[in-house]
Amino acid sequence: MLAYITRRVVYGVVTLLALSVIVFALLQMSGGGPLDRLKLNPRMQPYIQQLTKQWGLDQPVWKQYLTWLRNYVSPCVERSQGCTETIGLHNAIPFVVLAVAAVATVLIVMKVRTYWRAGLILGLWVVALFVAIQNMTIAFDWGISFQGAGPVWDMIFSRVGATFRLGFAALFLALLIGIPLGIYQAIRQYSFFDQLGTTAAFVTFSTPIFVIAIALQLLLALYLEKWTGVKLFYVTGMNSPDYGDMNLLQRLADILQHLTLPALSIALISLAGYSRFQRASMLEVLHSDYLRTAKAKGLPRRKIVVKHALRNALIPIVTLVSLDIAFIVSGAIITESIFGWPGIGRLYINAIQTVDYPVVMSIVMVIGIGIVVMNIVADILYGVMDPRVRYE
């Protein structure tokens, strides 16, 4: 198991290096220099010289890439007074916590033989990530935005919480509705509800996300308010201007009013995919030999479906969810622009428009790291959920 995880981590690092080379090359071929806008202002010459020296912009392309890579993986402690690589033992607490969580995960997979293994692993990592984030004092020297907007690390991680909120809500809605929908369609195969769900899934899955987002804005925000006289949902922003003066219940309601439409616009496409995959997987399991045996023994239909069929039918969804993270992030980039959501999606679009290399590269690599990590987690959960899987 440990050897398999190590091998996957090595493959992941190679994948991320290849991704960085490809994206860096595409940015170089996009036309125009990253400092062209700054050169229009004569007062920016000292700043231009600083950036040129820091990123090696006067060097060949391959040296610029190596300079960016060295800066990207260089840790620092004090960003406000210049990045230093002097790291003390107290700065290593988050990494120690994550390492302990990784070892504990391996032990749980090897030693625990109950149905609670997946829950134990999930709870372990929730606690580990919370402790790591609370004790995080190390940043990385991702440089300063070429447009003078400040340190790239601060720019990204001041917005990543908003994108995480939107993506998690979309994933939660998609799983909450899509999986039960697929199960019910499989149980009621070829019924009117099954045909209706199949048609709706194909229509939704083939509709561009910006069309869905605009349609939701029109139907559930503008027209619904016009018809009922009550404003249930907002079409822009993450909070109301008077959010700070609200009590707890009012804040929760305000968050839901702003979050529902952008999360639903992303979730609908994933929901359609989950329901189709879950239906197909459930039908395959329901027609298997061991379920026929369970039926022949006279077990109740509910017990057969919930206890015996559902667990094996959920296995393909694990891989689908891990791969869907990329779609959710790409959907969030479009959705954030439409709904004015202050996440990394809007930052990414603005960085592309202004040819802000450090911001674009950093966001792409953060997304790539997240996808690689999710794929490794999915492979581990495969072994947790399916006893037939063995890691040699």
Protein backbone atom coordinates (compact mmCIF):
# COMPACT_ATOMS: atom_id res chain seq x y z
CA MET A 1 0.00 0.00 0.00
CA LEU A 2 2.75 2.47 0.98
CA ALA A 3 4.73 1.59 -2.15
CA TYR A 4 1.65 2.15 -4.31
CA ILE A 5 0.97 5.58 -2.75
CA THR A 6 4.63 6.54 -3.17
CA ARG A 7 4.53 5.50 -6.82
CA ARG A 8 1.36 7.53 -7.41
CA VAL A 9 2.88 10.58 -5.74
CA VAL A 10 5.92 10.33 -8.04
CA TYR A 11 3.62 10.05 -11.07
CA GLY A 12 1.71 13.05 -9.79
CA VAL A 13 4.86 15.17 -9.47
CA VAL A 14 5.88 14.26 -13.04
CA THR A 15 2.38 15.17 -14.24
CA LEU A 16 2.53 18.55 -12.51
CA LEU A 17 5.97 19.28 -14.00
CA ALA A 18 4.63 18.47 -17.48
CA LEU A 19 1.60 20.69 -16.82
CA SER A 20 3.81 23.61 -15.76
CA VAL A 21 5.99 23.29 -18.87
CA ILE A 22 2.96 23.21 -21.20
CA VAL A 23 1.21 26.17 -19.56
CA PHE A 24 4.42 28.21 -19.42
CA ALA A 25 5.06 27.53 -23.12
CA LEU A 26 1.50 28.51 -24.04
CA LEU A 27 1.83 31.77 -22.15
CA GLN A 28 5.09 32.53 -23.95
CA MET A 29 3.39 31.95 -27.31
CA SER A 30 0.31 34.01 -26.45
CA GLY A 31 1.85 37.21 -27.83
CA GLY A 32 2.84 40.36 -26.01
CA GLY A 33 5.04 40.66 -22.97
CA PRO A 34 3.93 40.53 -19.34
CA LEU A 35 5.32 44.01 -18.69
CA ASP A 36 3.95 45.75 -21.79
CA ARG A 37 1.24 47.61 -19.87
CA LEU A 38 3.68 48.73 -17.19
CA LYS A 39 6.08 50.10 -19.80
CA LEU A 40 3.43 52.64 -20.83
CA ASN A 41 3.99 54.42 -17.51
CA PRO A 42 7.50 55.97 -17.24
CA ARG A 43 7.26 55.98 -13.42
CA MET A 44 7.16 52.17 -13.38
CA GLN A 45 10.71 51.71 -14.67
CA PRO A 46 12.22 50.82 -11.24
CA TYR A 47 9.41 48.32 -10.66
CA ILE A 48 9.92 46.85 -14.15
CA GLN A 49 13.63 46.41 -13.47
CA GLN A 50 12.85 44.67 -10.17
CA LEU A 51 10.45 42.22 -11.83
CA THR A 52 12.84 41.62 -14.71
CA LYS A 53 15.61 40.68 -12.29
CA GLN A 54 13.37 38.62 -10.02
CA TRP A 55 11.84 36.52 -12.81
CA GLY A 56 14.73 36.60 -15.30
CA LEU A 57 12.58 38.14 -18.03
CA ASP A 58 15.68 39.20 -19.96
CA GLN A 59 16.93 35.59 -20.09
CA PRO A 60 16.10 32.77 -22.55
CA VAL A 61 12.73 31.09 -22.11
CA TRP A 62 14.12 27.93 -20.50
CA LYS A 63 15.95 30.01 -17.89
CA GLN A 64 12.75 31.96 -17.21
CA TYR A 65 10.96 28.67 -16.59
CA LEU A 66 13.64 27.45 -14.20
CA THR A 67 13.52 30.78 -12.37
CA TRP A 68 9.75 30.53 -12.03
CA LEU A 69 9.98 26.90 -10.84
CA ARG A 70 12.62 27.73 -8.23
CA ASN A 71 10.56 30.62 -6.92
CA TYR A 72 7.34 28.59 -6.93
CA VAL A 73 8.68 25.86 -4.63
CA SER A 74 10.68 28.20 -2.37
CA PRO A 75 9.14 28.49 1.11
CA CYS A 76 9.11 31.71 3.06
CA VAL A 77 7.92 32.97 6.43
CA GLU A 78 7.71 36.77 6.28
CA ARG A 79 6.12 37.90 3.02
CA SER A 80 5.50 41.51 4.07
CA GLN A 81 9.18 42.25 4.77
CA GLY A 82 10.65 40.10 2.05
CA CYS A 83 10.59 36.35 1.66
CA THR A 84 13.12 34.45 3.72
CA GLU A 85 13.90 30.76 3.61
CA THR A 86 14.78 30.54 7.31
CA ILE A 87 12.30 27.92 8.50
CA GLY A 88 12.15 26.91 12.17
CA LEU A 89 10.82 23.72 13.74
CA HIS A 90 7.57 25.42 14.79
CA ASN A 91 6.86 26.16 11.11
CA ALA A 92 6.83 22.44 10.35
CA ILE A 93 3.76 21.66 12.50
CA PRO A 94 1.31 21.52 9.54
CA PHE A 95 3.56 19.14 7.61
CA VAL A 96 3.99 16.89 10.64
CA VAL A 97 0.21 16.79 11.12
CA LEU A 98 -0.36 15.87 7.47
CA ALA A 99 2.36 13.20 7.60
CA VAL A 100 0.80 11.67 10.72
CA ALA A 101 -2.61 11.71 8.97
CA ALA A 102 -1.11 9.94 5.95
CA VAL A 103 0.44 7.22 8.13
CA ALA A 104 -2.80 6.86 10.09
CA THR A 105 -4.72 6.47 6.82
CA VAL A 106 -2.47 3.61 5.74
CA LEU A 107 -2.93 1.91 9.13
CA ILE A 108 -6.71 2.30 8.97
CA VAL A 109 -6.82 0.78 5.49
CA MET A 110 -4.62 -2.14 6.57
CA LYS A 111 -6.05 -2.86 10.04
CA VAL A 112 -9.69 -1.74 10.15
CA ARG A 113 -12.12 -4.17 8.52
CA THR A 114 -15.47 -2.53 9.21
CA TYR A 115 -17.82 -0.45 7.12
CA TRP A 116 -16.67 2.64 9.03
CA ARG A 117 -13.25 2.81 7.39
CA ALA A 118 -14.23 5.47 4.88
CA GLY A 119 -15.85 7.56 7.63
CA LEU A 120 -12.77 7.25 9.84
CA ILE A 121 -10.48 8.35 7.01
CA LEU A 122 -12.72 11.29 6.11
CA GLY A 123 -12.98 12.45 9.72
CA LEU A 124 -9.22 12.03 10.20
CA TRP A 125 -8.41 14.26 7.24
CA VAL A 126 -10.99 16.89 8.17
CA VAL A 127 -9.35 17.24 11.60
CA ALA A 128 -5.83 17.10 10.14
CA LEU A 129 -6.53 19.80 7.56
CA PHE A 130 -8.18 22.02 10.17
CA VAL A 131 -5.19 21.74 12.51
CA ALA A 132 -2.73 22.24 9.64
CA ILE A 133 -4.48 25.38 8.38
CA GLN A 134 -4.72 26.85 11.87
CA ASN A 135 -0.96 26.41 12.38
CA MET A 136 0.15 27.36 8.87
CA THR A 137 2.91 29.97 9.05
CA ILE A 138 4.77 29.01 5.90
CA ALA A 139 3.96 30.54 2.54
CA PHE A 140 5.65 30.12 -0.84
CA ASP A 141 7.50 32.71 -2.82
CA TRP A 142 5.08 32.97 -5.74
CA GLY A 143 6.23 36.50 -6.38
CA ILE A 144 4.34 39.74 -6.86
CA SER A 145 1.68 40.33 -9.47
CA PHE A 146 3.03 41.98 -12.61
CA GLN A 147 0.11 44.40 -12.38
CA GLY A 148 1.12 45.57 -8.91
CA ALA A 149 -1.79 43.92 -7.09
CA GLY A 150 0.42 42.47 -4.32
CA PRO A 151 1.91 39.06 -3.45
CA VAL A 152 0.43 36.27 -5.58
CA TRP A 153 0.16 33.92 -2.57
CA ASP A 154 -2.03 36.41 -0.72
CA MET A 155 -4.10 37.17 -3.81
CA ILE A 156 -4.95 33.51 -4.40
CA PHE A 157 -5.54 32.36 -0.84
CA SER A 158 -7.62 35.39 0.02
CA ARG A 159 -10.06 34.19 -2.66
CA VAL A 160 -9.72 30.42 -2.50
CA GLY A 161 -12.17 30.23 0.41
CA ALA A 162 -14.94 31.74 -1.74
CA THR A 163 -14.24 29.29 -4.56
CA PHE A 164 -14.10 26.38 -2.11
CA ARG A 165 -17.47 27.42 -0.67
CA LEU A 166 -19.01 27.53 -4.14
CA GLY A 167 -17.43 24.28 -5.33
CA PHE A 168 -18.27 22.35 -2.16
CA ALA A 169 -21.88 23.53 -2.28
CA ALA A 170 -22.17 22.50 -5.94
CA LEU A 171 -20.64 19.07 -5.26
CA PHE A 172 -22.90 18.57 -2.23
CA LEU A 173 -26.02 19.41 -4.24
CA ALA A 174 -24.97 17.17 -7.13
CA LEU A 175 -24.33 14.17 -4.87
CA LEU A 176 -27.36 14.80 -2.67
CA ILE A 177 -29.75 14.81 -5.62
CA GLY A 178 -27.93 12.86 -8.34
CA ILE A 179 -27.17 9.63 -6.47
CA PRO A 180 -30.70 9.05 -5.03
CA LEU A 181 -32.13 9.99 -8.43
CA GLY A 182 -29.98 7.40 -10.20
CA ILE A 183 -30.84 4.73 -7.62
CA TYR A 184 -34.56 5.36 -7.96
CA GLN A 185 -34.33 5.30 -11.76
CA ALA A 186 -32.56 1.94 -11.60
CA ILE A 187 -35.17 0.47 -9.25
CA ARG A 188 -38.00 1.81 -11.46
CA GLN A 189 -36.32 0.97 -14.76
CA TYR A 190 -38.22 2.03 -17.92
CA SER A 191 -40.94 3.75 -15.89
CA PHE A 192 -42.22 7.22 -16.82
CA PHE A 193 -40.02 8.74 -14.10
CA ASP A 194 -36.98 6.91 -15.50
CA GLN A 195 -37.67 8.14 -19.04
CA LEU A 196 -38.26 11.69 -17.83
CA GLY A 197 -35.06 11.65 -15.76
CA THR A 198 -33.05 10.29 -18.68
CA THR A 199 -34.32 13.00 -21.03
CA ALA A 200 -33.70 15.77 -18.49
CA ALA A 201 -30.18 14.46 -17.79
CA PHE A 202 -29.22 14.46 -21.48
CA VAL A 203 -30.63 17.96 -22.05
CA THR A 204 -28.89 19.36 -18.95
CA PHE A 205 -25.58 17.64 -19.66
CA SER A 206 -25.46 19.04 -23.21
CA THR A 207 -26.30 22.63 -22.19
CA PRO A 208 -23.37 25.07 -21.74
CA ILE A 209 -22.92 26.19 -18.17
CA PHE A 210 -23.22 29.89 -19.00
CA VAL A 211 -26.66 29.24 -20.54
CA ILE A 212 -27.76 27.45 -17.37
CA ALA A 213 -26.40 30.25 -15.18
CA ILE A 214 -28.17 33.00 -17.14
CA ALA A 215 -31.41 30.98 -17.26
CA LEU A 216 -31.33 30.54 -13.47
CA GLN A 217 -30.75 34.27 -13.02
CA LEU A 218 -33.75 35.08 -15.18
CA LEU A 219 -36.17 32.45 -13.87
CA LEU A 220 -35.33 32.09 -10.16
CA ALA A 221 -34.18 35.63 -9.43
CA LEU A 222 -35.63 38.28 -11.73
CA TYR A 223 -38.92 36.71 -12.88
CA LEU A 224 -39.64 34.96 -9.59
CA GLU A 225 -39.24 38.25 -7.73
CA LYS A 226 -41.50 39.94 -10.28
CA TRP A 227 -44.20 37.27 -9.94
CA THR A 228 -44.13 36.86 -6.15
CA GLY A 229 -42.89 40.26 -5.01
CA VAL A 230 -40.34 38.50 -2.75
CA LYS A 231 -36.58 38.53 -3.39
CA LEU A 232 -35.48 34.96 -2.73
CA PHE A 233 -32.14 34.86 -4.57
CA TYR A 234 -29.42 37.33 -5.56
CA VAL A 235 -27.66 37.38 -8.91
CA THR A 236 -24.35 38.93 -7.88
CA GLY A 237 -21.91 38.98 -4.97
CA MET A 238 -21.29 36.66 -2.04
CA ASN A 239 -22.85 38.72 0.77
CA SER A 240 -25.08 41.75 1.20
CA PRO A 241 -23.53 45.14 2.09
CA ASP A 242 -25.09 45.01 5.59
CA TYR A 243 -23.87 41.45 6.25
CA GLY A 244 -21.77 42.56 9.23
CA ASP A 245 -24.81 43.97 11.05
CA MET A 246 -26.89 40.77 10.75
CA ASN A 247 -27.46 38.15 13.44
CA LEU A 248 -26.53 34.50 12.93
CA LEU A 249 -29.78 33.38 11.28
CA GLN A 250 -29.87 36.41 9.01
CA ARG A 251 -26.29 35.78 7.94
CA LEU A 252 -27.06 32.13 7.17
CA ALA A 253 -30.09 33.15 5.10
CA ASP A 254 -28.05 35.79 3.28
CA ILE A 255 -25.31 33.27 2.45
CA LEU A 256 -27.86 30.80 1.08
CA GLN A 257 -29.59 33.49 -0.99
CA HIS A 258 -26.30 34.42 -2.67
CA LEU A 259 -24.91 30.88 -2.91
CA THR A 260 -27.88 28.92 -4.26
CA LEU A 261 -27.97 30.07 -7.88
CA PRO A 262 -24.22 29.89 -8.70
CA ALA A 263 -23.89 26.54 -6.91
CA LEU A 264 -26.96 25.16 -8.65
CA SER A 265 -25.71 26.27 -12.06
CA ILE A 266 -22.56 24.18 -11.56
CA ALA A 267 -24.33 21.30 -9.82
CA LEU A 268 -26.96 20.68 -12.50
CA ILE A 269 -24.48 19.36 -15.07
CA SER A 270 -22.66 17.20 -12.51
CA LEU A 271 -26.01 16.04 -11.14
CA ALA A 272 -27.03 14.81 -14.59
CA GLY A 273 -23.79 12.85 -14.93
CA TYR A 274 -24.00 11.34 -11.45
CA SER A 275 -27.57 10.18 -11.97
CA ARG A 276 -26.71 8.44 -15.26
CA PHE A 277 -23.60 6.74 -13.87
CA GLN A 278 -25.40 5.74 -10.67
CA ARG A 279 -28.31 4.29 -12.64
CA ALA A 280 -26.02 2.24 -14.89
CA SER A 281 -23.91 1.02 -11.96
CA MET A 282 -26.98 0.15 -9.88
CA LEU A 283 -28.57 -1.81 -12.74
CA GLU A 284 -25.37 -3.81 -13.20
CA VAL A 285 -25.28 -4.71 -9.52
CA LEU A 286 -29.00 -5.49 -9.30
CA HIS A 287 -28.64 -8.11 -12.04
CA SER A 288 -25.60 -9.78 -10.47
CA ASP A 289 -25.63 -13.38 -9.19
CA TYR A 290 -25.10 -12.62 -5.51
CA LEU A 291 -28.18 -10.38 -5.44
CA ARG A 292 -30.24 -13.09 -7.09
CA THR A 293 -29.08 -15.36 -4.27
CA ALA A 294 -30.09 -12.75 -1.69
CA LYS A 295 -33.53 -12.50 -3.28
CA ALA A 296 -33.85 -16.30 -3.32
CA LYS A 297 -33.12 -16.37 0.43
CA GLY A 298 -36.11 -14.12 0.99
CA LEU A 299 -34.28 -10.99 2.18
CA PRO A 300 -36.39 -7.81 2.19
CA ARG A 301 -36.05 -5.71 -0.95
CA ARG A 302 -34.96 -2.64 1.04
CA LYS A 303 -32.15 -4.57 2.74
CA ILE A 304 -31.02 -5.99 -0.60
CA VAL A 305 -30.85 -2.55 -2.21
CA VAL A 306 -29.38 -0.57 0.71
CA LYS A 307 -27.01 -3.07 2.32
CA HIS A 308 -25.89 -5.28 -0.55
CA ALA A 309 -26.34 -3.38 -3.81
CA LEU A 310 -25.69 0.26 -2.92
CA ARG A 311 -22.17 -0.14 -1.56
CA ASN A 312 -20.83 -1.81 -4.70
CA ALA A 313 -22.84 0.50 -6.97
CA LEU A 314 -21.21 3.56 -5.37
CA ILE A 315 -17.66 2.48 -6.26
CA PRO A 316 -17.62 3.99 -9.81
CA ILE A 317 -18.96 7.26 -8.38
CA VAL A 318 -15.78 7.66 -6.31
CA THR A 319 -13.68 7.93 -9.46
CA LEU A 320 -16.26 10.13 -11.15
CA VAL A 321 -16.24 12.58 -8.22
CA SER A 322 -12.45 12.81 -8.20
CA LEU A 323 -12.40 13.53 -11.94
CA ASP A 324 -15.31 15.94 -11.63
CA ILE A 325 -13.26 18.28 -9.44
CA ALA A 326 -11.66 19.67 -12.61
CA PHE A 327 -15.07 20.35 -14.14
CA ILE A 328 -16.35 22.00 -10.98
CA VAL A 329 -13.33 24.33 -10.89
CA SER A 330 -13.63 25.18 -14.61
CA GLY A 331 -17.37 25.71 -14.15
CA ALA A 332 -16.65 27.95 -11.18
CA ILE A 333 -14.40 30.13 -13.35
CA ILE A 334 -17.29 30.85 -15.72
CA THR A 335 -19.94 31.00 -13.02
CA GLU A 336 -17.94 33.41 -10.86
CA SER A 337 -17.68 35.81 -13.80
CA ILE A 338 -21.44 35.67 -14.44
CA PHE A 339 -22.50 35.98 -10.80
CA GLY A 340 -19.76 38.38 -9.69
CA TRP A 341 -18.49 35.81 -7.19
CA PRO A 342 -15.18 36.96 -5.60
CA GLY A 343 -13.23 33.72 -6.09
CA ILE A 344 -10.12 32.66 -7.95
CA GLY A 345 -12.14 32.24 -11.15
CA ARG A 346 -12.54 35.98 -11.62
CA LEU A 347 -8.92 36.48 -10.59
CA TYR A 348 -7.86 33.92 -13.21
CA ILE A 349 -9.81 35.62 -16.01
CA ASN A 350 -8.38 39.03 -15.10
CA ALA A 351 -4.85 37.59 -14.95
CA ILE A 352 -5.20 36.10 -18.44
CA GLN A 353 -6.49 39.39 -19.83
CA THR A 354 -3.56 41.33 -18.33
CA VAL A 355 -0.94 38.63 -19.14
CA ASP A 356 -0.06 38.33 -15.46
CA TYR A 357 2.22 35.27 -15.66
CA PRO A 358 2.79 34.59 -11.94
CA VAL A 359 -0.94 34.69 -11.15
CA VAL A 360 -1.94 32.50 -14.12
CA MET A 361 0.78 29.91 -13.46
CA SER A 362 0.06 29.79 -9.73
CA ILE A 363 -3.69 29.29 -10.18
CA VAL A 364 -3.21 26.59 -12.81
CA MET A 365 -0.74 24.73 -10.61
CA VAL A 366 -2.98 25.01 -7.53
CA ILE A 367 -5.83 23.47 -9.53
CA GLY A 368 -3.52 20.80 -10.92
CA ILE A 369 -2.26 19.88 -7.45
CA GLY A 370 -5.84 19.58 -6.23
CA ILE A 371 -6.79 17.26 -9.09
CA VAL A 372 -3.73 15.04 -8.59
CA VAL A 373 -4.39 14.78 -4.84
CA MET A 374 -8.07 13.95 -5.43
CA ASN A 375 -7.15 11.17 -7.85
CA ILE A 376 -4.78 9.63 -5.31
CA VAL A 377 -7.50 9.85 -2.64
CA ALA A 378 -9.97 8.20 -5.02
CA ASP A 379 -7.58 5.31 -5.63
CA ILE A 380 -7.18 4.81 -1.88
CA LEU A 381 -10.94 4.92 -1.32
CA TYR A 382 -11.36 2.28 -4.03
CA GLY A 383 -9.45 -0.13 -1.85
CA VAL A 384 -11.43 0.94 1.21
CA MET A 385 -14.82 0.41 -0.43
CA ASP A 386 -14.01 -2.67 -2.52
CA PRO A 387 -12.26 -5.53 -0.65
CA ARG A 388 -11.37 -7.13 -3.99
CA VAL A 389 -8.91 -4.31 -4.78
CA ARG A 390 -5.37 -5.04 -3.67
CA TYR A 391 -2.39 -2.71 -4.04
CA GLU A 392 0.69 -4.68 -4.98
